[in-house]
Protein backbone atom coordinates (compact mmCIF):
# COMPACT_ATOMS: atom_id res chain seq x y z
CA MET A 1 291.89 237.33 167.72
CA LEU A 2 295.62 236.60 167.74
CA ARG A 3 297.52 236.79 164.49
CA PRO A 4 300.40 234.36 164.14
CA ARG A 5 303.69 235.98 163.34
CA VAL A 6 305.13 234.52 160.18
CA ILE A 7 308.83 235.31 160.66
CA PRO A 8 309.22 233.57 164.07
CA ILE A 9 307.35 230.51 162.74
CA VAL A 10 309.60 230.27 159.65
CA ILE A 11 312.76 230.70 161.74
CA THR A 12 311.61 228.06 164.23
CA ALA A 13 310.79 225.61 161.41
CA ALA A 14 314.18 226.21 159.74
CA ILE A 15 316.09 225.69 163.00
CA SER A 16 314.11 222.53 163.80
CA ALA A 17 314.75 221.09 160.32
CA SER A 18 318.46 221.93 160.57
CA VAL A 19 318.77 220.22 163.95
CA LEU A 20 316.87 217.11 162.81
CA PHE A 21 318.70 216.64 159.52
CA GLY A 22 322.05 217.59 161.05
CA GLY A 23 321.55 215.05 163.82
CA TRP A 24 320.59 212.38 161.33
CA ALA A 25 323.68 213.13 159.20
CA ILE A 26 325.99 212.99 162.22
CA TYR A 27 324.40 209.74 163.41
CA ASN A 28 324.74 208.22 159.93
CA GLN A 29 328.41 209.20 159.75
CA VAL A 30 329.46 208.30 163.30
CA ALA A 31 327.32 205.25 164.06
CA VAL A 32 327.02 203.63 160.63
CA ALA A 33 329.52 204.73 157.96
CA ALA A 34 332.65 205.12 160.09
CA PRO A 35 332.45 201.65 161.73
CA LEU A 36 331.77 200.02 158.38
CA GLU A 37 334.70 201.83 156.78
CA GLN A 38 336.90 200.62 159.65
CA VAL A 39 335.63 197.05 159.20
CA ALA A 40 336.72 197.16 155.56
CA LYS A 41 340.14 198.63 156.40
CA ASP A 42 340.80 195.97 159.05
CA VAL A 43 340.40 193.04 156.63
CA ALA A 44 343.64 191.43 155.49
CA GLY A 45 344.33 192.26 151.85
CA VAL A 46 342.56 195.63 151.85
CA VAL A 47 344.93 198.54 151.17
CA SER A 48 342.33 201.30 151.47
CA SER A 49 338.60 201.84 151.56
CA ASP A 50 336.31 204.78 150.90
CA LYS A 51 333.32 205.77 152.97
CA PRO A 52 330.40 203.40 152.38
CA VAL A 53 327.43 204.56 150.36
CA MET A 54 324.23 203.24 151.89
CA ASP A 55 320.60 203.23 150.90
CA ASN A 56 317.63 201.17 152.07
CA GLU A 57 318.58 198.10 150.03
CA GLN A 58 322.33 198.02 149.63
CA VAL A 59 325.69 199.08 151.00
CA THR A 60 328.42 199.90 148.49
CA ILE A 61 332.03 200.10 149.60
CA THR A 62 334.86 201.04 147.26
CA ILE A 63 338.09 199.30 148.25
CA GLU A 64 341.59 198.83 146.95
CA LEU A 65 343.15 195.40 147.37
CA ASN A 66 346.78 194.38 147.41
CA GLU A 67 347.86 192.06 144.62
CA ASP A 68 347.87 188.94 146.82
CA ALA A 69 344.39 189.44 148.28
CA ASN A 70 341.89 186.62 148.09
CA LEU A 71 338.72 188.21 146.76
CA ARG A 72 336.33 185.68 148.31
CA ASP A 73 337.96 185.97 151.75
CA VAL A 74 337.88 189.77 151.67
CA TYR A 75 334.21 189.81 150.66
CA GLU A 76 333.19 187.26 153.29
CA ARG A 77 335.11 188.98 156.11
CA ILE A 78 333.69 192.41 155.34
CA GLU A 79 330.21 190.91 155.15
CA ALA A 80 330.60 188.95 158.40
CA ASN A 81 332.25 191.74 160.40
CA GLY A 82 329.90 194.46 159.16
CA LYS A 83 326.66 192.49 159.29
CA ASP A 84 325.46 194.20 162.48
CA VAL A 85 326.00 197.62 160.86
CA PHE A 86 324.23 197.08 157.53
CA ASP A 87 321.62 194.55 158.69
CA ASN A 88 319.62 193.08 155.77
CA ARG A 89 321.13 195.29 153.09
CA VAL A 90 323.08 193.68 150.26
CA LEU A 91 326.84 194.26 150.34
CA THR A 92 328.37 195.44 147.07
CA LEU A 93 332.09 195.94 146.71
CA LYS A 94 333.61 198.15 144.04
CA PHE A 95 337.29 197.88 143.36
CA LYS A 96 339.81 200.61 142.79
CA GLY A 97 342.79 199.43 140.96
CA LYS A 98 344.69 199.11 137.82
CA SER A 99 342.95 197.15 135.15
CA ASN A 100 344.31 197.38 131.64
CA LYS A 101 343.24 196.75 128.06
CA GLN A 102 344.45 193.14 128.06
CA LEU A 103 342.38 192.22 131.12
CA GLU A 104 339.35 194.12 129.86
CA ASP A 105 339.61 192.36 126.48
CA LEU A 106 339.88 188.99 128.24
CA TRP A 107 336.82 189.76 130.35
CA TYR A 108 334.73 190.87 127.38
CA ALA A 109 335.87 187.90 125.28
CA SER A 110 334.68 185.48 127.95
CA MET A 111 331.52 187.36 128.96
CA PHE A 112 329.16 185.38 126.72
CA ASP A 113 330.29 182.07 128.23
CA ILE A 114 330.13 183.53 131.74
CA ALA A 115 326.64 184.95 131.22
CA GLU A 116 325.44 181.64 129.83
CA ALA A 117 326.90 179.73 132.78
CA MET A 118 325.29 182.16 135.25
CA GLU A 119 321.89 181.95 133.57
CA THR A 120 321.90 178.16 133.34
CA LYS A 121 323.47 177.84 136.81
CA THR A 122 326.30 175.68 135.45
CA TYR A 123 328.89 177.44 137.57
CA SER A 124 331.48 174.71 137.04
CA SER A 125 331.92 175.83 133.44
CA ILE A 126 333.10 179.31 134.48
CA PRO A 127 336.73 178.34 135.31
CA GLU A 128 336.94 176.33 132.10
CA ALA A 129 335.60 179.23 130.01
CA MET A 130 337.92 181.76 131.67
CA ASN A 131 341.01 179.56 131.31
CA LYS A 132 340.17 178.76 127.69
CA THR A 133 339.90 182.45 126.85
CA ALA A 134 343.00 183.33 128.89
CA LYS A 135 345.19 181.00 126.79
CA ALA A 136 345.08 183.58 124.00
CA TYR A 137 346.65 186.20 126.29
CA LYS A 138 350.23 186.27 127.48
CA ASP A 139 351.11 186.18 131.21
CA VAL A 140 347.51 186.20 132.44
CA THR A 141 346.36 184.20 135.43
CA VAL A 142 342.73 183.58 136.24
CA THR A 143 341.34 182.67 139.65
CA THR A 144 337.70 181.71 140.09
CA GLU A 145 335.95 180.91 143.35
CA MET A 146 332.37 180.58 144.49
CA ASP A 147 330.31 180.59 147.66
CA GLU A 148 326.58 180.37 148.32
CA LYS A 149 326.00 184.01 147.25
CA ASN A 150 328.58 185.02 144.64
CA VAL A 151 331.06 183.94 141.99
CA TYR A 152 334.46 185.64 142.37
CA ILE A 153 336.79 186.12 139.40
CA THR A 154 340.29 187.58 139.59
CA LEU A 155 342.23 188.33 136.40
CA LYS A 156 345.91 189.22 136.78
CA ASN A 157 348.84 190.07 134.58
CA PRO A 158 352.18 191.61 135.60
CA GLU A 159 350.89 195.18 135.27
CA ALA A 160 347.29 195.02 136.45
CA VAL A 161 344.51 193.15 138.18
CA LYS A 162 340.75 193.04 137.59
CA TYR A 163 338.26 191.84 140.21
CA VAL A 164 334.71 190.77 139.36
CA VAL A 165 332.00 189.67 141.80
CA LEU A 166 328.93 188.14 140.18
CA PRO A 167 325.85 187.56 142.34
CA ARG A 168 324.32 184.13 141.94
CA ILE A 169 320.80 185.59 142.19
CA SER A 170 319.54 186.05 138.62
CA ALA A 171 317.69 189.29 139.24
CA GLN A 172 320.94 191.01 140.22
CA LEU A 173 322.85 190.01 137.10
CA GLU A 174 321.75 193.21 135.36
CA ALA A 175 324.40 195.09 137.36
CA TRP A 176 327.27 193.52 135.44
């Protein structure tokens, strides 16, 4: 009766696993992440973008926008140009940038009204709520836009900018 040799079997299994996982990692980097990163960098208004983080349900890209960027346009262009790369996954953008205490205070002061508008689907009250709250702050401009998937809010003052993308699907509102 032949006895299997343990060491050659373990070495063969380790080499096979290394080749398979290494090939998968290279494919993921070259065929998926790199093109999607380039898509984000090619959009007007994007200063820089990090490598996308992908799982089975979503794609997260961290980007930095210039101060004149239109948040809705950037989001839509990345989504449209990268759709063949991330298929049915949900696109989530995270923003690098300089927010400050004034913009954070403005956002938190208006969050109750925003959450209520999102829950009741009265999206037209969001600009009114943001502008009403912004009157208490000096040199702050608020821009709100909407499409069929998201509500886009941009808060700016001379020193900083804060971008917020709120999904219109109620189940995703937990991620605020």
